[in-house]
């Protein structure tokens, strides 16, 4: 009877490596610890916790629930660029704007902002609710009634890990 016992450790290591790969385990720490999420465009403070309503933006201005996550003109010229401001709520002083994805159709522009939390479990961040602002240049090439749609996240209270999808829309008239 012929057996190959010298290959058993190699087969075992191969099976272990395959199992770790399939479960997503990272033995070498290549993950930088940061998380990128769709930005928070709506935050409702918890009425039972006044501290959340007294937080301040990074610029030192008081945060209010009625901040404007999307600022855009009501009327634009066809074929001409116009500015839109998108603001998201940063859950702490370490958050930073990551990227913005846009999708265009003839009379629809969808905007999805992303924010990055570059911290890990061992990093201390200032407990400051920040507002992250981005300025975009957009353009409609077709006259008519258009729509700018901001896709984001909604948070109620101080648990920023508990988020729901939300959409904010702004009507625009595109004139010739």
C-alpha atoms as a PDB file:
ATOM      1  CA  UNK A   1       0.000   0.000   0.000  1.00  0.00           C
ATOM      2  CA  UNK A   2       1.381   3.382  -1.023  1.00  0.00           C
ATOM      3  CA  UNK A   3       0.653   6.528   1.058  1.00  0.00           C
ATOM      4  CA  UNK A   4       1.781  10.154   0.713  1.00  0.00           C
ATOM      5  CA  UNK A   5       1.952  11.424   4.278  1.00  0.00           C
ATOM      6  CA  UNK A   6       4.490  14.153   3.423  1.00  0.00           C
ATOM      7  CA  UNK A   7       1.797  16.095   1.489  1.00  0.00           C
ATOM      8  CA  UNK A   8      -0.767  16.126   4.305  1.00  0.00           C
ATOM      9  CA  UNK A   9       0.600  19.309   5.988  1.00  0.00           C
ATOM     10  CA  UNK A  10       0.614  21.122   2.639  1.00  0.00           C
ATOM     11  CA  UNK A  11      -2.967  20.067   1.935  1.00  0.00           C
ATOM     12  CA  UNK A  12      -3.998  21.204   5.430  1.00  0.00           C
ATOM     13  CA  UNK A  13      -2.378  24.610   4.936  1.00  0.00           C
ATOM     14  CA  UNK A  14      -4.047  24.957   1.548  1.00  0.00           C
ATOM     15  CA  UNK A  15      -7.456  24.176   3.058  1.00  0.00           C
ATOM     16  CA  UNK A  16      -6.873  26.663   5.906  1.00  0.00           C
ATOM     17  CA  UNK A  17      -5.817  29.409   3.488  1.00  0.00           C
ATOM     18  CA  UNK A  18      -8.877  28.738   1.317  1.00  0.00           C
ATOM     19  CA  UNK A  19     -11.196  28.901   4.343  1.00  0.00           C
ATOM     20  CA  UNK A  20      -9.669  32.195   5.498  1.00  0.00           C
ATOM     21  CA  UNK A  21      -9.956  33.649   1.993  1.00  0.00           C
ATOM     22  CA  UNK A  22     -13.603  32.619   1.643  1.00  0.00           C
ATOM     23  CA  UNK A  23     -14.558  34.070   5.032  1.00  0.00           C
ATOM     24  CA  UNK A  24     -12.801  37.372   4.354  1.00  0.00           C
ATOM     25  CA  UNK A  25     -10.253  37.056   7.155  1.00  0.00           C
ATOM     26  CA  UNK A  26      -7.279  39.376   6.635  1.00  0.00           C
ATOM     27  CA  UNK A  27      -4.185  38.020   8.365  1.00  0.00           C
ATOM     28  CA  UNK A  28      -1.871  40.729   7.060  1.00  0.00           C
ATOM     29  CA  UNK A  29      -3.821  43.864   8.069  1.00  0.00           C
ATOM     30  CA  UNK A  30      -4.161  45.357   4.597  1.00  0.00           C
ATOM     31  CA  UNK A  31      -7.408  47.116   5.530  1.00  0.00           C
ATOM     32  CA  UNK A  32      -6.675  50.732   6.506  1.00  0.00           C
ATOM     33  CA  UNK A  33      -9.565  50.752   8.988  1.00  0.00           C
ATOM     34  CA  UNK A  34     -11.495  53.519   7.231  1.00  0.00           C
ATOM     35  CA  UNK A  35     -15.127  53.156   6.250  1.00  0.00           C
ATOM     36  CA  UNK A  36     -16.817  54.864   3.295  1.00  0.00           C
ATOM     37  CA  UNK A  37     -20.583  55.304   3.489  1.00  0.00           C
ATOM     38  CA  UNK A  38     -23.277  57.195   1.625  1.00  0.00           C
ATOM     39  CA  UNK A  39     -23.416  60.637   3.242  1.00  0.00           C
ATOM     40  CA  UNK A  40     -25.982  61.660   5.848  1.00  0.00           C
ATOM     41  CA  UNK A  41     -28.243  64.294   4.280  1.00  0.00           C
ATOM     42  CA  UNK A  42     -30.931  64.286   6.962  1.00  0.00           C
ATOM     43  CA  UNK A  43     -30.447  64.221  10.738  1.00  0.00           C
ATOM     44  CA  UNK A  44     -33.319  64.467  13.172  1.00  0.00           C
ATOM     45  CA  UNK A  45     -32.070  65.120  16.678  1.00  0.00           C
ATOM     46  CA  UNK A  46     -33.611  63.144  19.493  1.00  0.00           C
ATOM     47  CA  UNK A  47     -36.029  65.460  21.326  1.00  0.00           C
ATOM     48  CA  UNK A  48     -35.259  63.681  24.604  1.00  0.00           C
ATOM     49  CA  UNK A  49     -31.565  64.528  24.309  1.00  0.00           C
ATOM     50  CA  UNK A  50     -30.938  68.279  24.124  1.00  0.00           C
ATOM     51  CA  UNK A  51     -27.197  67.767  23.715  1.00  0.00           C
ATOM     52  CA  UNK A  52     -27.666  66.638  20.120  1.00  0.00           C
ATOM     53  CA  UNK A  53     -29.469  69.876  19.254  1.00  0.00           C
ATOM     54  CA  UNK A  54     -26.623  71.944  20.717  1.00  0.00           C
ATOM     55  CA  UNK A  55     -23.810  70.487  18.638  1.00  0.00           C
ATOM     56  CA  UNK A  56     -21.710  72.720  16.433  1.00  0.00           C
ATOM     57  CA  UNK A  57     -20.332  72.419  12.965  1.00  0.00           C
ATOM     58  CA  UNK A  58     -16.592  72.352  12.401  1.00  0.00           C
ATOM     59  CA  UNK A  59     -16.796  76.012  11.326  1.00  0.00           C
ATOM     60  CA  UNK A  60     -18.150  76.973  14.762  1.00  0.00           C
ATOM     61  CA  UNK A  61     -21.671  77.711  13.565  1.00  0.00           C
ATOM     62  CA  UNK A  62     -24.515  76.048  15.479  1.00  0.00           C
ATOM     63  CA  UNK A  63     -25.888  72.998  13.718  1.00  0.00           C
ATOM     64  CA  UNK A  64     -29.626  73.172  13.159  1.00  0.00           C
ATOM     65  CA  UNK A  65     -31.972  70.523  11.863  1.00  0.00           C
ATOM     66  CA  UNK A  66     -33.034  72.791   9.016  1.00  0.00           C
ATOM     67  CA  UNK A  67     -29.636  72.844   7.283  1.00  0.00           C
ATOM     68  CA  UNK A  68     -29.903  72.638   3.502  1.00  0.00           C
ATOM     69  CA  UNK A  69     -28.322  69.437   2.187  1.00  0.00           C
ATOM     70  CA  UNK A  70     -28.936  70.542  -1.430  1.00  0.00           C
ATOM     71  CA  UNK A  71     -28.741  74.104  -2.705  1.00  0.00           C
ATOM     72  CA  UNK A  72     -29.462  74.606  -6.398  1.00  0.00           C
ATOM     73  CA  UNK A  73     -31.012  77.289  -8.613  1.00  0.00           C
ATOM     74  CA  UNK A  74     -34.689  77.024  -9.524  1.00  0.00           C
ATOM     75  CA  UNK A  75     -34.069  78.074 -13.148  1.00  0.00           C
ATOM     76  CA  UNK A  76     -31.057  77.382 -15.383  1.00  0.00           C
ATOM     77  CA  UNK A  77     -30.128  77.940 -19.035  1.00  0.00           C
ATOM     78  CA  UNK A  78     -30.005  74.905 -21.314  1.00  0.00           C
ATOM     79  CA  UNK A  79     -26.418  73.901 -22.110  1.00  0.00           C
ATOM     80  CA  UNK A  80     -24.888  76.181 -19.449  1.00  0.00           C
ATOM     81  CA  UNK A  81     -23.077  75.012 -16.343  1.00  0.00           C
ATOM     82  CA  UNK A  82     -24.503  75.895 -12.920  1.00  0.00           C
ATOM     83  CA  UNK A  83     -23.325  75.333  -9.350  1.00  0.00           C
ATOM     84  CA  UNK A  84     -24.959  73.045  -6.819  1.00  0.00           C
ATOM     85  CA  UNK A  85     -23.895  72.706  -3.185  1.00  0.00           C
ATOM     86  CA  UNK A  86     -24.269  69.367  -1.403  1.00  0.00           C
ATOM     87  CA  UNK A  87     -23.847  69.146   2.375  1.00  0.00           C
ATOM     88  CA  UNK A  88     -23.637  66.049   4.522  1.00  0.00           C
ATOM     89  CA  UNK A  89     -23.532  65.604   8.300  1.00  0.00           C
ATOM     90  CA  UNK A  90     -20.285  64.233   9.729  1.00  0.00           C
ATOM     91  CA  UNK A  91     -20.858  62.082  12.815  1.00  0.00           C
ATOM     92  CA  UNK A  92     -17.603  63.267  14.428  1.00  0.00           C
ATOM     93  CA  UNK A  93     -14.680  65.603  13.866  1.00  0.00           C
ATOM     94  CA  UNK A  94     -12.680  62.985  11.946  1.00  0.00           C
ATOM     95  CA  UNK A  95     -15.145  62.446   9.085  1.00  0.00           C
ATOM     96  CA  UNK A  96     -14.165  63.798   5.683  1.00  0.00           C
ATOM     97  CA  UNK A  97     -15.810  64.059   2.283  1.00  0.00           C
ATOM     98  CA  UNK A  98     -14.810  61.131   0.067  1.00  0.00           C
ATOM     99  CA  UNK A  99     -16.414  61.345  -3.380  1.00  0.00           C
ATOM    100  CA  UNK A 100     -19.614  62.210  -5.228  1.00  0.00           C
ATOM    101  CA  UNK A 101     -21.196  60.039  -7.884  1.00  0.00           C
ATOM    102  CA  UNK A 102     -23.553  61.587 -10.439  1.00  0.00           C
ATOM    103  CA  UNK A 103     -25.832  59.974 -12.985  1.00  0.00           C
ATOM    104  CA  UNK A 104     -27.444  62.001 -15.743  1.00  0.00           C
ATOM    105  CA  UNK A 105     -30.459  61.579 -17.924  1.00  0.00           C
ATOM    106  CA  UNK A 106     -32.025  64.239 -20.156  1.00  0.00           C
ATOM    107  CA  UNK A 107     -33.960  65.993 -17.361  1.00  0.00           C
ATOM    108  CA  UNK A 108     -32.718  64.124 -14.282  1.00  0.00           C
ATOM    109  CA  UNK A 109     -29.445  64.331 -12.387  1.00  0.00           C
ATOM    110  CA  UNK A 110     -28.902  61.957  -9.453  1.00  0.00           C
ATOM    111  CA  UNK A 111     -26.225  62.833  -6.901  1.00  0.00           C
ATOM    112  CA  UNK A 112     -24.864  60.433  -4.271  1.00  0.00           C
ATOM    113  CA  UNK A 113     -22.242  61.834  -1.853  1.00  0.00           C
ATOM    114  CA  UNK A 114     -19.917  59.541   0.097  1.00  0.00           C
ATOM    115  CA  UNK A 115     -18.141  60.314   3.372  1.00  0.00           C
ATOM    116  CA  UNK A 116     -15.134  58.588   4.890  1.00  0.00           C
ATOM    117  CA  UNK A 117     -14.503  57.798   8.540  1.00  0.00           C
ATOM    118  CA  UNK A 118     -10.721  57.314   8.562  1.00  0.00           C
ATOM    119  CA  UNK A 119     -10.608  56.184  12.185  1.00  0.00           C
ATOM    120  CA  UNK A 120     -10.308  52.791  13.754  1.00  0.00           C
ATOM    121  CA  UNK A 121     -11.399  51.551  17.181  1.00  0.00           C
ATOM    122  CA  UNK A 122      -8.284  53.000  18.842  1.00  0.00           C
ATOM    123  CA  UNK A 123      -8.548  56.543  17.436  1.00  0.00           C
ATOM    124  CA  UNK A 124     -10.154  59.290  19.499  1.00  0.00           C
ATOM    125  CA  UNK A 125     -12.108  61.889  17.510  1.00  0.00           C
ATOM    126  CA  UNK A 126     -13.592  65.189  18.658  1.00  0.00           C
ATOM    127  CA  UNK A 127     -17.267  64.805  19.506  1.00  0.00           C
ATOM    128  CA  UNK A 128     -18.277  67.548  17.089  1.00  0.00           C
ATOM    129  CA  UNK A 129     -21.010  67.193  14.507  1.00  0.00           C
ATOM    130  CA  UNK A 130     -19.589  68.574  11.299  1.00  0.00           C
ATOM    131  CA  UNK A 131     -21.049  69.674   8.007  1.00  0.00           C
ATOM    132  CA  UNK A 132     -19.151  68.604   4.905  1.00  0.00           C
ATOM    133  CA  UNK A 133     -19.745  70.781   1.838  1.00  0.00           C
ATOM    134  CA  UNK A 134     -19.105  69.988  -1.801  1.00  0.00           C
ATOM    135  CA  UNK A 135     -19.630  72.247  -4.796  1.00  0.00           C
ATOM    136  CA  UNK A 136     -20.557  70.606  -8.098  1.00  0.00           C
ATOM    137  CA  UNK A 137     -20.886  72.033 -11.594  1.00  0.00           C
ATOM    138  CA  UNK A 138     -23.832  70.490 -13.423  1.00  0.00           C
ATOM    139  CA  UNK A 139     -25.556  71.051 -16.745  1.00  0.00           C
ATOM    140  CA  UNK A 140     -28.824  70.143 -18.462  1.00  0.00           C
ATOM    141  CA  UNK A 141     -28.774  69.901 -22.270  1.00  0.00           C
ATOM    142  CA  UNK A 142     -32.530  69.594 -22.751  1.00  0.00           C
ATOM    143  CA  UNK A 143     -35.110  72.326 -22.002  1.00  0.00           C
ATOM    144  CA  UNK A 144     -38.055  71.487 -19.756  1.00  0.00           C
ATOM    145  CA  UNK A 145     -38.954  70.610 -16.174  1.00  0.00           C
ATOM    146  CA  UNK A 146     -35.939  68.884 -14.656  1.00  0.00           C
ATOM    147  CA  UNK A 147     -35.153  67.243 -11.349  1.00  0.00           C
ATOM    148  CA  UNK A 148     -32.034  67.027  -9.189  1.00  0.00           C
ATOM    149  CA  UNK A 149     -32.218  64.028  -6.866  1.00  0.00           C
ATOM    150  CA  UNK A 150     -29.908  63.750  -3.848  1.00  0.00           C
ATOM    151  CA  UNK A 151     -29.527  60.180  -2.558  1.00  0.00           C
ATOM    152  CA  UNK A 152     -28.327  59.897   1.015  1.00  0.00           C
ATOM    153  CA  UNK A 153     -28.832  58.549   4.500  1.00  0.00           C
ATOM    154  CA  UNK A 154     -31.169  59.641   7.306  1.00  0.00           C
ATOM    155  CA  UNK A 155     -30.344  59.390  11.014  1.00  0.00           C
ATOM    156  CA  UNK A 156     -32.673  59.888  13.986  1.00  0.00           C
ATOM    157  CA  UNK A 157     -31.085  60.613  17.352  1.00  0.00           C
ATOM    158  CA  UNK A 158     -27.417  60.153  18.187  1.00  0.00           C
ATOM    159  CA  UNK A 159     -26.901  56.614  16.872  1.00  0.00           C
ATOM    160  CA  UNK A 160     -25.148  57.397  13.589  1.00  0.00           C
ATOM    161  CA  UNK A 161     -24.691  53.690  12.871  1.00  0.00           C
ATOM    162  CA  UNK A 162     -28.484  53.296  12.519  1.00  0.00           C
ATOM    163  CA  UNK A 163     -29.249  54.789   9.088  1.00  0.00           C
ATOM    164  CA  UNK A 164     -32.038  54.638   6.532  1.00  0.00           C
ATOM    165  CA  UNK A 165     -31.970  55.550   2.844  1.00  0.00           C
ATOM    166  CA  UNK A 166     -33.577  58.863   1.941  1.00  0.00           C
ATOM    167  CA  UNK A 167     -34.003  60.997  -1.175  1.00  0.00           C
ATOM    168  CA  UNK A 168     -34.192  64.791  -1.421  1.00  0.00           C
ATOM    169  CA  UNK A 169     -35.464  66.317  -4.643  1.00  0.00           C
ATOM    170  CA  UNK A 170     -35.157  69.794  -6.136  1.00  0.00           C
ATOM    171  CA  UNK A 171     -37.195  70.937  -9.165  1.00  0.00           C
ATOM    172  CA  UNK A 172     -35.396  72.947 -11.835  1.00  0.00           C
ATOM    173  CA  UNK A 173     -36.798  74.677 -14.911  1.00  0.00           C
ATOM    174  CA  UNK A 174     -34.389  74.489 -17.842  1.00  0.00           C
ATOM    175  CA  UNK A 175     -35.013  77.357 -20.279  1.00  0.00           C
ATOM    176  CA  UNK A 176     -33.590  78.122 -23.730  1.00  0.00           C
END
